Amino acid sequence: MNQTVSEQIHGGLHQLGVDSSTDLEEKLGTYLNLLAKWNRVYNLTAVRDESSMVSQHLLDSLAVLPYLDTNSTAIRSLADVGSGGGLPGIPLAIARPQLKVELIEASHKKASFLQQAKIELKLANVSIHCGRVEEFKPEVLFDVVISRAFSSLADFIQLAAHLLAPAGRLLAMKGVHPQEEIEQLPSGWFMSRSIPLVVPTLNAQRDLIVIEKT
């Protein structure tokens, strides 16, 4: 029997071990609905139907939550580089309303969607920067800078490392473990962890690469 999108979200959150509530599930569902609606015109993602978006986008993004929560130093701020349709930044912002999330996106069309999603979802903890990441000079630096299918690890460091607070970390969400990219990390940086992510109902490899300064 085919599950509804709401049932998929509920079951997926349970499998991920995310503390769930009706409000959280409704907001995530509203976000997916917005993403699917705007996608018809703005081409935000190659995934077209909401049912597929649950695992490929929503649960995929939320799979990193445990690695934000268990750090010994409290993570107060996160920048999502090349946010596109708001992934992973918006699902993380919905799930963690106390987390300050900056969505960085160079495309004006995509940034317009992000602004609309922020308004409709009433995400007071979200800010949007429309522009190139390497030209963004925030007043306050971030505890975590994350990217999802954005660039090579070396390019990610080159373009976004200036956004990190002194003890901050770069998190790169990848598919197949990027061994070649890890071997080509620039001097002064190292991979502190490689974490296989298990995404409910998604039969594909996912890795979270944690990069820190030496």
N, C-alpha and C. Protein backbone atom coordinates (compact mmCIF):
# COMPACT_ATOMS: atom_id res chain seq x y z
N MET A 1 0.84 -1.20 0.00
CA MET A 1 0.00 0.00 0.00
C MET A 1 0.88 1.25 0.00
N ASN A 2 0.59 2.17 -0.91
CA ASN A 2 1.36 3.40 -1.00
C ASN A 2 1.07 4.30 0.21
N GLN A 3 2.14 4.84 0.80
CA GLN A 3 1.99 5.76 1.91
C GLN A 3 1.77 7.17 1.41
N THR A 4 1.05 7.96 2.18
CA THR A 4 0.95 9.38 1.87
C THR A 4 2.28 10.05 2.23
N VAL A 5 2.47 11.27 1.73
CA VAL A 5 3.69 12.02 2.05
C VAL A 5 3.80 12.22 3.56
N SER A 6 2.67 12.52 4.22
CA SER A 6 2.67 12.72 5.68
C SER A 6 3.11 11.46 6.41
N GLU A 7 2.63 10.31 5.95
CA GLU A 7 3.02 9.03 6.57
C GLU A 7 4.50 8.74 6.33
N GLN A 8 4.99 9.08 5.14
CA GLN A 8 6.41 8.88 4.85
C GLN A 8 7.28 9.74 5.77
N ILE A 9 6.88 10.99 5.96
CA ILE A 9 7.63 11.89 6.83
C ILE A 9 7.63 11.36 8.26
N HIS A 10 6.45 10.98 8.75
CA HIS A 10 6.32 10.47 10.12
C HIS A 10 7.20 9.24 10.33
N GLY A 11 7.12 8.28 9.42
CA GLY A 11 7.90 7.06 9.53
C GLY A 11 9.39 7.31 9.41
N GLY A 12 9.76 8.20 8.49
CA GLY A 12 11.18 8.52 8.29
C GLY A 12 11.81 9.18 9.49
N LEU A 13 11.08 10.12 10.11
CA LEU A 13 11.59 10.78 11.32
C LEU A 13 11.79 9.77 12.44
N HIS A 14 10.83 8.85 12.57
CA HIS A 14 10.92 7.81 13.59
C HIS A 14 12.17 6.95 13.38
N GLN A 15 12.42 6.57 12.12
CA GLN A 15 13.58 5.73 11.81
C GLN A 15 14.89 6.47 12.06
N LEU A 16 14.88 7.78 11.85
CA LEU A 16 16.09 8.58 12.09
C LEU A 16 16.30 8.88 13.57
N GLY A 17 15.29 8.60 14.38
CA GLY A 17 15.39 8.90 15.80
C GLY A 17 15.21 10.36 16.13
N VAL A 18 14.52 11.09 15.23
CA VAL A 18 14.28 12.52 15.44
C VAL A 18 13.04 12.70 16.30
N ASP A 19 13.15 13.48 17.37
CA ASP A 19 11.98 13.79 18.19
C ASP A 19 10.97 14.53 17.34
N SER A 20 9.81 13.95 17.20
CA SER A 20 8.83 14.47 16.25
C SER A 20 7.65 15.10 16.97
N SER A 21 6.94 15.94 16.24
CA SER A 21 5.70 16.55 16.73
C SER A 21 4.83 16.83 15.52
N THR A 22 3.55 17.06 15.76
CA THR A 22 2.63 17.36 14.66
C THR A 22 3.09 18.63 13.94
N ASP A 23 3.51 19.63 14.72
CA ASP A 23 3.95 20.90 14.13
C ASP A 23 5.17 20.71 13.23
N LEU A 24 6.14 19.93 13.71
CA LEU A 24 7.35 19.66 12.92
C LEU A 24 6.99 18.95 11.62
N GLU A 25 6.18 17.91 11.72
CA GLU A 25 5.82 17.13 10.52
C GLU A 25 5.01 17.98 9.54
N GLU A 26 4.12 18.82 10.05
CA GLU A 26 3.32 19.68 9.17
C GLU A 26 4.20 20.70 8.46
N LYS A 27 5.17 21.27 9.18
CA LYS A 27 6.08 22.25 8.56
C LYS A 27 6.94 21.62 7.48
N LEU A 28 7.44 20.41 7.76
CA LEU A 28 8.24 19.71 6.75
C LEU A 28 7.40 19.38 5.52
N GLY A 29 6.14 18.98 5.75
CA GLY A 29 5.23 18.70 4.64
C GLY A 29 4.92 19.95 3.84
N THR A 30 4.72 21.07 4.51
CA THR A 30 4.45 22.34 3.83
C THR A 30 5.65 22.76 2.99
N TYR A 31 6.84 22.58 3.55
CA TYR A 31 8.06 22.90 2.80
C TYR A 31 8.17 22.07 1.53
N LEU A 32 7.92 20.76 1.63
CA LEU A 32 7.98 19.91 0.44
C LEU A 32 6.95 20.33 -0.60
N ASN A 33 5.76 20.69 -0.12
CA ASN A 33 4.70 21.15 -1.02
C ASN A 33 5.13 22.41 -1.77
N LEU A 34 5.75 23.33 -1.05
CA LEU A 34 6.28 24.56 -1.66
C LEU A 34 7.37 24.25 -2.68
N LEU A 35 8.27 23.35 -2.29
CA LEU A 35 9.38 22.97 -3.18
C LEU A 35 8.84 22.37 -4.48
N ALA A 36 7.86 21.48 -4.37
CA ALA A 36 7.27 20.85 -5.56
C ALA A 36 6.55 21.88 -6.43
N LYS A 37 5.85 22.80 -5.78
CA LYS A 37 5.08 23.82 -6.50
C LYS A 37 6.00 24.77 -7.27
N TRP A 38 7.01 25.29 -6.60
CA TRP A 38 7.94 26.22 -7.26
C TRP A 38 8.83 25.51 -8.26
N ASN A 39 9.06 24.22 -8.05
CA ASN A 39 9.94 23.45 -8.92
C ASN A 39 9.43 23.39 -10.36
N ARG A 40 8.11 23.46 -10.51
CA ARG A 40 7.52 23.39 -11.85
C ARG A 40 7.97 24.56 -12.72
N VAL A 41 8.25 25.69 -12.10
CA VAL A 41 8.63 26.89 -12.85
C VAL A 41 10.12 27.20 -12.72
N TYR A 42 10.67 27.01 -11.53
CA TYR A 42 12.03 27.47 -11.24
C TYR A 42 13.09 26.39 -11.32
N ASN A 43 12.68 25.13 -11.55
CA ASN A 43 13.64 24.03 -11.72
C ASN A 43 14.64 23.96 -10.57
N LEU A 44 14.11 23.83 -9.36
CA LEU A 44 14.93 23.81 -8.15
C LEU A 44 15.62 22.47 -7.94
N THR A 45 15.00 21.40 -8.43
CA THR A 45 15.54 20.06 -8.25
C THR A 45 15.09 19.16 -9.39
N ALA A 46 15.92 18.14 -9.71
CA ALA A 46 15.56 17.18 -10.76
C ALA A 46 14.49 16.21 -10.28
N VAL A 47 14.31 16.11 -8.96
CA VAL A 47 13.28 15.22 -8.40
C VAL A 47 11.94 15.94 -8.50
N ARG A 48 10.95 15.30 -9.14
CA ARG A 48 9.72 16.01 -9.49
C ARG A 48 8.56 15.78 -8.54
N ASP A 49 8.44 14.59 -7.98
CA ASP A 49 7.25 14.32 -7.16
C ASP A 49 7.58 14.36 -5.67
N GLU A 50 6.60 14.79 -4.89
CA GLU A 50 6.79 14.98 -3.45
C GLU A 50 7.17 13.68 -2.74
N SER A 51 6.59 12.57 -3.17
CA SER A 51 6.86 11.30 -2.53
C SER A 51 8.35 10.95 -2.60
N SER A 52 8.96 11.16 -3.77
CA SER A 52 10.40 10.90 -3.94
C SER A 52 11.24 11.92 -3.18
N MET A 53 10.71 13.15 -3.07
CA MET A 53 11.44 14.20 -2.36
C MET A 53 11.61 13.88 -0.87
N VAL A 54 10.67 13.10 -0.31
CA VAL A 54 10.74 12.79 1.13
C VAL A 54 12.08 12.14 1.46
N SER A 55 12.41 11.05 0.76
CA SER A 55 13.66 10.34 1.07
C SER A 55 14.87 11.04 0.46
N GLN A 56 14.76 11.46 -0.81
CA GLN A 56 15.93 11.98 -1.52
C GLN A 56 16.36 13.36 -1.04
N HIS A 57 15.44 14.13 -0.49
CA HIS A 57 15.78 15.48 -0.05
C HIS A 57 15.59 15.68 1.45
N LEU A 58 14.38 15.41 1.93
CA LEU A 58 14.03 15.73 3.31
C LEU A 58 14.80 14.87 4.31
N LEU A 59 14.63 13.55 4.21
CA LEU A 59 15.28 12.63 5.16
C LEU A 59 16.80 12.61 4.95
N ASP A 60 17.21 12.78 3.70
CA ASP A 60 18.64 12.87 3.39
C ASP A 60 19.26 14.04 4.14
N SER A 61 18.58 15.18 4.15
CA SER A 61 19.07 16.37 4.87
C SER A 61 19.07 16.15 6.38
N LEU A 62 18.00 15.57 6.89
CA LEU A 62 17.85 15.41 8.34
C LEU A 62 18.75 14.31 8.92
N ALA A 63 19.30 13.47 8.05
CA ALA A 63 20.19 12.40 8.53
C ALA A 63 21.44 12.94 9.20
N VAL A 64 21.78 14.20 8.96
CA VAL A 64 22.98 14.78 9.60
C VAL A 64 22.70 15.31 11.01
N LEU A 65 21.43 15.37 11.41
CA LEU A 65 21.07 15.96 12.71
C LEU A 65 21.87 15.40 13.90
N PRO A 66 22.02 14.08 14.02
CA PRO A 66 22.76 13.56 15.18
C PRO A 66 24.18 14.11 15.29
N TYR A 67 24.77 14.49 14.16
CA TYR A 67 26.16 14.95 14.16
C TYR A 67 26.25 16.46 14.38
N LEU A 68 25.09 17.10 14.45
CA LEU A 68 25.02 18.48 14.94
C LEU A 68 24.76 18.48 16.44
N ASP A 69 24.00 17.51 16.92
CA ASP A 69 23.54 17.50 18.31
C ASP A 69 24.55 16.96 19.31
N THR A 70 25.43 16.08 18.88
CA THR A 70 26.28 15.38 19.85
C THR A 70 27.66 16.02 20.02
N ASN A 71 27.90 17.12 19.34
CA ASN A 71 29.20 17.78 19.49
C ASN A 71 29.34 18.34 20.91
N SER A 72 30.54 18.23 21.48
CA SER A 72 30.74 18.68 22.86
C SER A 72 30.53 20.20 22.99
N THR A 73 30.83 20.93 21.92
CA THR A 73 30.59 22.37 21.92
C THR A 73 29.24 22.63 21.27
N ALA A 74 28.42 23.41 21.95
CA ALA A 74 27.08 23.69 21.42
C ALA A 74 27.17 24.40 20.08
N ILE A 75 26.44 23.89 19.10
CA ILE A 75 26.41 24.52 17.78
C ILE A 75 25.24 25.49 17.74
N ARG A 76 25.57 26.75 17.57
CA ARG A 76 24.54 27.80 17.57
C ARG A 76 24.21 28.30 16.18
N SER A 77 25.16 28.13 15.23
CA SER A 77 24.95 28.71 13.90
C SER A 77 25.49 27.79 12.81
N LEU A 78 24.82 27.85 11.67
CA LEU A 78 25.16 26.99 10.54
C LEU A 78 24.95 27.76 9.25
N ALA A 79 25.88 27.65 8.33
CA ALA A 79 25.72 28.21 6.99
C ALA A 79 25.59 27.08 5.99
N ASP A 80 24.58 27.18 5.13
CA ASP A 80 24.32 26.18 4.08
C ASP A 80 24.78 26.78 2.76
N VAL A 81 25.88 26.26 2.22
CA VAL A 81 26.51 26.82 1.03
C VAL A 81 25.94 26.18 -0.23
N GLY A 82 25.54 27.01 -1.20
CA GLY A 82 24.91 26.50 -2.41
C GLY A 82 23.59 25.85 -2.08
N SER A 83 22.77 26.57 -1.32
CA SER A 83 21.56 25.99 -0.72
C SER A 83 20.54 25.51 -1.74
N GLY A 84 20.50 26.14 -2.92
CA GLY A 84 19.55 25.71 -3.96
C GLY A 84 18.12 25.88 -3.52
N GLY A 85 17.43 24.75 -3.37
CA GLY A 85 16.05 24.78 -2.89
C GLY A 85 15.93 24.74 -1.38
N GLY A 86 17.05 25.01 -0.69
CA GLY A 86 17.02 25.05 0.78
C GLY A 86 17.48 23.77 1.44
N LEU A 87 18.31 23.01 0.74
CA LEU A 87 18.75 21.70 1.24
C LEU A 87 20.24 21.69 1.50
N PRO A 88 20.65 21.33 2.70
CA PRO A 88 19.86 20.80 3.83
C PRO A 88 19.34 21.86 4.80
N GLY A 89 19.61 23.15 4.53
CA GLY A 89 19.39 24.19 5.52
C GLY A 89 17.99 24.33 6.06
N ILE A 90 16.97 24.30 5.17
CA ILE A 90 15.61 24.53 5.65
C ILE A 90 15.10 23.37 6.52
N PRO A 91 15.24 22.11 6.11
CA PRO A 91 14.84 21.02 7.02
C PRO A 91 15.54 21.09 8.37
N LEU A 92 16.84 21.43 8.38
CA LEU A 92 17.57 21.54 9.64
C LEU A 92 17.05 22.69 10.48
N ALA A 93 16.71 23.80 9.83
CA ALA A 93 16.18 24.97 10.54
C ALA A 93 14.80 24.67 11.14
N ILE A 94 14.00 23.89 10.42
CA ILE A 94 12.67 23.50 10.92
C ILE A 94 12.83 22.58 12.14
N ALA A 95 13.74 21.63 12.03
CA ALA A 95 13.92 20.64 13.11
C ALA A 95 14.62 21.22 14.33
N ARG A 96 15.43 22.28 14.13
CA ARG A 96 16.18 22.88 15.24
C ARG A 96 15.94 24.40 15.25
N PRO A 97 14.78 24.85 15.75
CA PRO A 97 14.45 26.28 15.71
C PRO A 97 15.41 27.17 16.50
N GLN A 98 16.20 26.59 17.41
CA GLN A 98 17.17 27.39 18.17
C GLN A 98 18.47 27.60 17.39
N LEU A 99 18.61 26.93 16.25
CA LEU A 99 19.83 27.01 15.43
C LEU A 99 19.70 28.16 14.42
N LYS A 100 20.67 29.06 14.41
CA LYS A 100 20.67 30.16 13.44
C LYS A 100 21.22 29.62 12.11
N VAL A 101 20.41 29.70 11.06
CA VAL A 101 20.77 29.11 9.77
C VAL A 101 20.84 30.19 8.69
N GLU A 102 21.97 30.24 8.00
CA GLU A 102 22.16 31.16 6.88
C GLU A 102 22.15 30.34 5.59
N LEU A 103 21.26 30.68 4.67
CA LEU A 103 21.20 30.01 3.37
C LEU A 103 21.92 30.87 2.35
N ILE A 104 22.95 30.32 1.72
CA ILE A 104 23.76 31.08 0.76
C ILE A 104 23.52 30.51 -0.63
N GLU A 105 23.02 31.36 -1.53
CA GLU A 105 22.64 30.90 -2.87
C GLU A 105 22.88 32.02 -3.89
N ALA A 106 23.62 31.70 -4.94
CA ALA A 106 23.98 32.72 -5.94
C ALA A 106 22.85 33.00 -6.93
N SER A 107 21.99 32.02 -7.17
CA SER A 107 20.90 32.19 -8.15
C SER A 107 19.78 33.03 -7.56
N HIS A 108 19.40 34.11 -8.26
CA HIS A 108 18.33 34.99 -7.78
C HIS A 108 16.99 34.26 -7.73
N LYS A 109 16.74 33.41 -8.71
CA LYS A 109 15.47 32.65 -8.72
C LYS A 109 15.38 31.74 -7.50
N LYS A 110 16.44 31.02 -7.24
CA LYS A 110 16.43 30.11 -6.10
C LYS A 110 16.37 30.88 -4.78
N ALA A 111 17.08 31.99 -4.71
CA ALA A 111 17.04 32.82 -3.50
C ALA A 111 15.64 33.39 -3.27
N SER A 112 14.91 33.68 -4.35
CA SER A 112 13.52 34.14 -4.23
C SER A 112 12.65 33.06 -3.60
N PHE A 113 12.88 31.82 -4.03
CA PHE A 113 12.14 30.71 -3.41
C PHE A 113 12.47 30.60 -1.93
N LEU A 114 13.76 30.69 -1.60
CA LEU A 114 14.18 30.58 -0.20
C LEU A 114 13.51 31.66 0.66
N GLN A 115 13.42 32.87 0.12
CA GLN A 115 12.79 33.97 0.85
C GLN A 115 11.30 33.67 1.07
N GLN A 116 10.65 33.16 0.04
CA GLN A 116 9.23 32.83 0.16
C GLN A 116 9.00 31.70 1.16
N ALA A 117 9.88 30.70 1.13
CA ALA A 117 9.76 29.59 2.08
C ALA A 117 9.95 30.09 3.51
N LYS A 118 10.91 30.96 3.73
CA LYS A 118 11.15 31.55 5.06
C LYS A 118 9.89 32.24 5.57
N ILE A 119 9.23 33.01 4.69
CA ILE A 119 8.03 33.76 5.07
C ILE A 119 6.87 32.81 5.37
N GLU A 120 6.61 31.90 4.43
CA GLU A 120 5.44 31.01 4.58
C GLU A 120 5.59 30.05 5.75
N LEU A 121 6.82 29.63 6.02
CA LEU A 121 7.05 28.67 7.11
C LEU A 121 7.34 29.38 8.44
N LYS A 122 7.39 30.73 8.39
CA LYS A 122 7.64 31.54 9.60
C LYS A 122 8.94 31.10 10.30
N LEU A 123 10.02 31.05 9.52
CA LEU A 123 11.30 30.59 10.04
C LEU A 123 12.13 31.79 10.51
N ALA A 124 11.91 32.17 11.77
CA ALA A 124 12.60 33.33 12.34
C ALA A 124 14.11 33.09 12.47
N ASN A 125 14.53 31.83 12.48
CA ASN A 125 15.95 31.50 12.65
C ASN A 125 16.72 31.40 11.34
N VAL A 126 16.07 31.75 10.21
CA VAL A 126 16.70 31.63 8.89
C VAL A 126 16.98 33.01 8.30
N SER A 127 18.19 33.16 7.72
CA SER A 127 18.55 34.33 6.93
C SER A 127 19.01 33.85 5.56
N ILE A 128 18.88 34.72 4.56
CA ILE A 128 19.24 34.33 3.19
C ILE A 128 20.23 35.34 2.63
N HIS A 129 21.33 34.82 2.08
CA HIS A 129 22.29 35.68 1.37
C HIS A 129 22.28 35.27 -0.10
N CYS A 130 21.87 36.20 -0.96
CA CYS A 130 21.89 35.94 -2.40
C CYS A 130 23.20 36.50 -2.97
N GLY A 131 24.09 35.60 -3.34
CA GLY A 131 25.39 36.02 -3.86
C GLY A 131 26.37 34.87 -3.82
N ARG A 132 27.55 35.12 -4.34
CA ARG A 132 28.58 34.08 -4.38
C ARG A 132 29.17 33.89 -2.98
N VAL A 133 29.38 32.65 -2.60
CA VAL A 133 29.83 32.35 -1.24
C VAL A 133 31.18 32.99 -0.94
N GLU A 134 32.07 33.00 -1.93
CA GLU A 134 33.42 33.53 -1.67
C GLU A 134 33.41 35.04 -1.44
N GLU A 135 32.32 35.71 -1.83
CA GLU A 135 32.22 37.17 -1.64
C GLU A 135 31.40 37.54 -0.40
N PHE A 136 30.88 36.56 0.30
CA PHE A 136 30.06 36.80 1.49
C PHE A 136 30.96 37.05 2.69
N LYS A 137 30.77 38.20 3.34
CA LYS A 137 31.57 38.57 4.51
C LYS A 137 30.63 38.81 5.70
N PRO A 138 30.23 37.76 6.38
CA PRO A 138 29.29 37.93 7.51
C PRO A 138 29.96 38.61 8.70
N GLU A 139 29.17 39.33 9.48
CA GLU A 139 29.69 39.98 10.68
C GLU A 139 30.06 38.95 11.74
N VAL A 140 29.27 37.88 11.83
CA VAL A 140 29.53 36.83 12.81
C VAL A 140 29.79 35.52 12.06
N LEU A 141 30.88 34.84 12.41
CA LEU A 141 31.24 33.59 11.73
C LEU A 141 30.43 32.41 12.28
N PHE A 142 30.47 31.29 11.56
CA PHE A 142 29.58 30.16 11.83
C PHE A 142 30.30 28.99 12.49
N ASP A 143 29.57 28.29 13.36
CA ASP A 143 30.10 27.10 14.02
C ASP A 143 30.27 25.95 13.03
N VAL A 144 29.33 25.86 12.08
CA VAL A 144 29.35 24.81 11.06
C VAL A 144 29.03 25.42 9.71
N VAL A 145 29.78 25.01 8.69
CA VAL A 145 29.45 25.35 7.30
C VAL A 145 29.24 24.03 6.58
N ILE A 146 28.05 23.88 6.00
CA ILE A 146 27.66 22.60 5.39
C ILE A 146 27.36 22.78 3.91
N SER A 147 27.62 21.73 3.14
CA SER A 147 27.24 21.75 1.72
C SER A 147 26.74 20.37 1.34
N ARG A 148 25.88 20.35 0.35
CA ARG A 148 25.29 19.10 -0.13
C ARG A 148 25.45 19.06 -1.66
N ALA A 149 26.28 18.15 -2.13
CA ALA A 149 26.53 18.01 -3.58
C ALA A 149 26.90 19.36 -4.19
N PHE A 150 27.83 20.07 -3.53
CA PHE A 150 28.17 21.44 -3.94
C PHE A 150 29.40 21.49 -4.83
N SER A 151 30.48 20.87 -4.40
CA SER A 151 31.75 20.97 -5.13
C SER A 151 32.70 19.91 -4.61
N SER A 152 33.91 19.92 -5.14
CA SER A 152 34.94 19.05 -4.56
C SER A 152 35.29 19.58 -3.17
N LEU A 153 35.88 18.72 -2.34
CA LEU A 153 36.25 19.13 -0.98
C LEU A 153 37.25 20.28 -1.00
N ALA A 154 38.23 20.23 -1.91
CA ALA A 154 39.23 21.29 -2.00
C ALA A 154 38.58 22.62 -2.36
N ASP A 155 37.65 22.59 -3.31
CA ASP A 155 36.95 23.83 -3.70
C ASP A 155 36.06 24.34 -2.57
N PHE A 156 35.43 23.42 -1.86
CA PHE A 156 34.58 23.78 -0.72
C PHE A 156 35.41 24.56 0.31
N ILE A 157 36.60 24.06 0.62
CA ILE A 157 37.49 24.73 1.56
C ILE A 157 37.89 26.11 1.03
N GLN A 158 38.29 26.14 -0.24
CA GLN A 158 38.77 27.39 -0.83
C GLN A 158 37.67 28.47 -0.84
N LEU A 159 36.43 28.05 -1.13
CA LEU A 159 35.35 29.01 -1.29
C LEU A 159 34.68 29.41 0.02
N ALA A 160 34.67 28.49 1.00
CA ALA A 160 33.80 28.71 2.17
C ALA A 160 34.50 28.72 3.52
N ALA A 161 35.78 28.39 3.57
CA ALA A 161 36.46 28.28 4.87
C ALA A 161 36.50 29.60 5.63
N HIS A 162 36.45 30.72 4.92
CA HIS A 162 36.50 32.04 5.58
C HIS A 162 35.24 32.32 6.42
N LEU A 163 34.21 31.49 6.25
CA LEU A 163 32.97 31.68 7.01
C LEU A 163 33.02 31.02 8.39
N LEU A 164 34.05 30.19 8.62
CA LEU A 164 34.12 29.39 9.85
C LEU A 164 34.63 30.18 11.04
N ALA A 165 33.97 30.01 12.18
CA ALA A 165 34.49 30.48 13.46
C ALA A 165 35.76 29.70 13.78
N PRO A 166 36.62 30.21 14.70
CA PRO A 166 37.92 29.57 14.96
C PRO A 166 37.88 28.06 15.20
N ALA A 167 36.91 27.57 15.95
CA ALA A 167 36.85 26.12 16.22
C ALA A 167 35.80 25.43 15.34
N GLY A 168 35.41 26.09 14.26
CA GLY A 168 34.33 25.58 13.41
C GLY A 168 34.75 24.40 12.54
N ARG A 169 33.74 23.75 11.95
CA ARG A 169 33.98 22.58 11.10
C ARG A 169 33.22 22.71 9.79
N LEU A 170 33.80 22.18 8.74
CA LEU A 170 33.13 22.04 7.46
C LEU A 170 32.51 20.66 7.38
N LEU A 171 31.25 20.58 6.96
CA LEU A 171 30.58 19.30 6.75
C LEU A 171 30.18 19.19 5.28
N ALA A 172 30.68 18.18 4.61
CA ALA A 172 30.36 17.96 3.21
C ALA A 172 29.51 16.70 3.07
N MET A 173 28.29 16.85 2.56
CA MET A 173 27.41 15.71 2.33
C MET A 173 27.70 15.15 0.94
N LYS A 174 28.12 13.91 0.89
CA LYS A 174 28.55 13.28 -0.35
C LYS A 174 27.80 11.98 -0.60
N GLY A 175 27.88 11.50 -1.83
CA GLY A 175 27.34 10.19 -2.16
C GLY A 175 28.40 9.14 -1.84
N VAL A 176 29.02 8.58 -2.86
CA VAL A 176 30.09 7.60 -2.66
C VAL A 176 31.26 8.26 -1.93
N HIS A 177 31.87 7.53 -1.02
CA HIS A 177 33.01 8.05 -0.24
C HIS A 177 34.07 8.64 -1.17
N PRO A 178 34.38 9.95 -1.03
CA PRO A 178 35.25 10.64 -2.01
C PRO A 178 36.74 10.53 -1.66
N GLN A 179 37.27 9.32 -1.73
CA GLN A 179 38.64 9.08 -1.29
C GLN A 179 39.64 9.96 -2.03
N GLU A 180 39.47 10.08 -3.34
CA GLU A 180 40.41 10.89 -4.14
C GLU A 180 40.40 12.35 -3.70
N GLU A 181 39.20 12.88 -3.42
CA GLU A 181 39.09 14.27 -2.96
C GLU A 181 39.74 14.44 -1.59
N ILE A 182 39.58 13.45 -0.73
CA ILE A 182 40.17 13.51 0.62
C ILE A 182 41.69 13.57 0.52
N GLU A 183 42.25 12.80 -0.41
CA GLU A 183 43.70 12.78 -0.59
C GLU A 183 44.23 14.10 -1.14
N GLN A 184 43.34 14.90 -1.72
CA GLN A 184 43.75 16.18 -2.32
C GLN A 184 43.37 17.39 -1.47
N LEU A 185 43.10 17.17 -0.19
CA LEU A 185 42.79 18.30 0.70
C LEU A 185 43.99 19.23 0.78
N PRO A 186 43.75 20.54 0.78
CA PRO A 186 44.87 21.48 0.84
C PRO A 186 45.59 21.44 2.19
N SER A 187 46.80 21.92 2.19
CA SER A 187 47.62 21.96 3.40
C SER A 187 46.90 22.76 4.49
N GLY A 188 46.99 22.25 5.72
CA GLY A 188 46.35 22.94 6.84
C GLY A 188 44.97 22.42 7.18
N TRP A 189 44.49 21.42 6.41
CA TRP A 189 43.15 20.86 6.63
C TRP A 189 43.23 19.34 6.66
N PHE A 190 42.33 18.72 7.43
CA PHE A 190 42.30 17.26 7.48
C PHE A 190 40.86 16.78 7.68
N MET A 191 40.61 15.55 7.25
CA MET A 191 39.32 14.92 7.49
C MET A 191 39.34 14.30 8.88
N SER A 192 38.50 14.83 9.77
CA SER A 192 38.47 14.29 11.14
C SER A 192 37.53 13.10 11.27
N ARG A 193 36.51 13.05 10.42
CA ARG A 193 35.58 11.90 10.46
C ARG A 193 34.96 11.69 9.09
N SER A 194 34.67 10.45 8.78
CA SER A 194 33.86 10.09 7.62
C SER A 194 32.72 9.23 8.14
N ILE A 195 31.50 9.72 8.02
CA ILE A 195 30.35 9.09 8.66
C ILE A 195 29.38 8.56 7.61
N PRO A 196 29.18 7.24 7.52
CA PRO A 196 28.17 6.72 6.61
C PRO A 196 26.78 7.09 7.14
N LEU A 197 25.98 7.70 6.30
CA LEU A 197 24.62 8.09 6.69
C LEU A 197 23.62 7.07 6.17
N VAL A 198 22.72 6.66 7.04
CA VAL A 198 21.65 5.74 6.65
C VAL A 198 20.37 6.56 6.52
N VAL A 199 19.88 6.66 5.29
CA VAL A 199 18.67 7.45 5.01
C VAL A 199 17.50 6.50 4.80
N PRO A 200 16.45 6.59 5.62
CA PRO A 200 15.31 5.68 5.48
C PRO A 200 14.75 5.65 4.06
N THR A 201 14.49 4.46 3.56
CA THR A 201 13.89 4.16 2.25
C THR A 201 14.73 4.64 1.06
N LEU A 202 15.96 5.06 1.32
CA LEU A 202 16.83 5.49 0.21
C LEU A 202 17.92 4.45 0.01
N ASN A 203 17.88 3.78 -1.13
CA ASN A 203 18.85 2.73 -1.43
C ASN A 203 20.03 3.32 -2.18
N ALA A 204 20.79 4.15 -1.48
CA ALA A 204 21.96 4.79 -2.09
C ALA A 204 22.96 5.13 -1.00
N GLN A 205 24.23 5.16 -1.39
CA GLN A 205 25.28 5.44 -0.41
C GLN A 205 25.33 6.94 -0.11
N ARG A 206 25.48 7.27 1.15
CA ARG A 206 25.62 8.65 1.59
C ARG A 206 26.74 8.73 2.63
N ASP A 207 27.58 9.73 2.52
CA ASP A 207 28.66 9.94 3.48
C ASP A 207 28.68 11.39 3.92
N LEU A 208 28.96 11.60 5.19
CA LEU A 208 29.18 12.94 5.73
C LEU A 208 30.66 13.06 6.06
N ILE A 209 31.34 14.00 5.37
CA ILE A 209 32.77 14.20 5.55
C ILE A 209 32.97 15.44 6.44
N VAL A 210 33.63 15.23 7.57
CA VAL A 210 33.90 16.33 8.51
C VAL A 210 35.34 16.79 8.32
N ILE A 211 35.49 18.08 8.04
CA ILE A 211 36.82 18.65 7.76
C ILE A 211 37.14 19.73 8.79
N GLU A 212 38.35 19.67 9.31
CA GLU A 212 38.79 20.67 10.29
C GLU A 212 40.18 21.18 9.97
N LYS A 213 40.52 22.30 10.60
CA LYS A 213 41.87 22.83 10.46
C LYS A 213 42.85 21.98 11.28
N THR A 214 44.06 21.82 10.77
CA THR A 214 45.08 21.09 11.54
C THR A 214 45.56 21.95 12.69
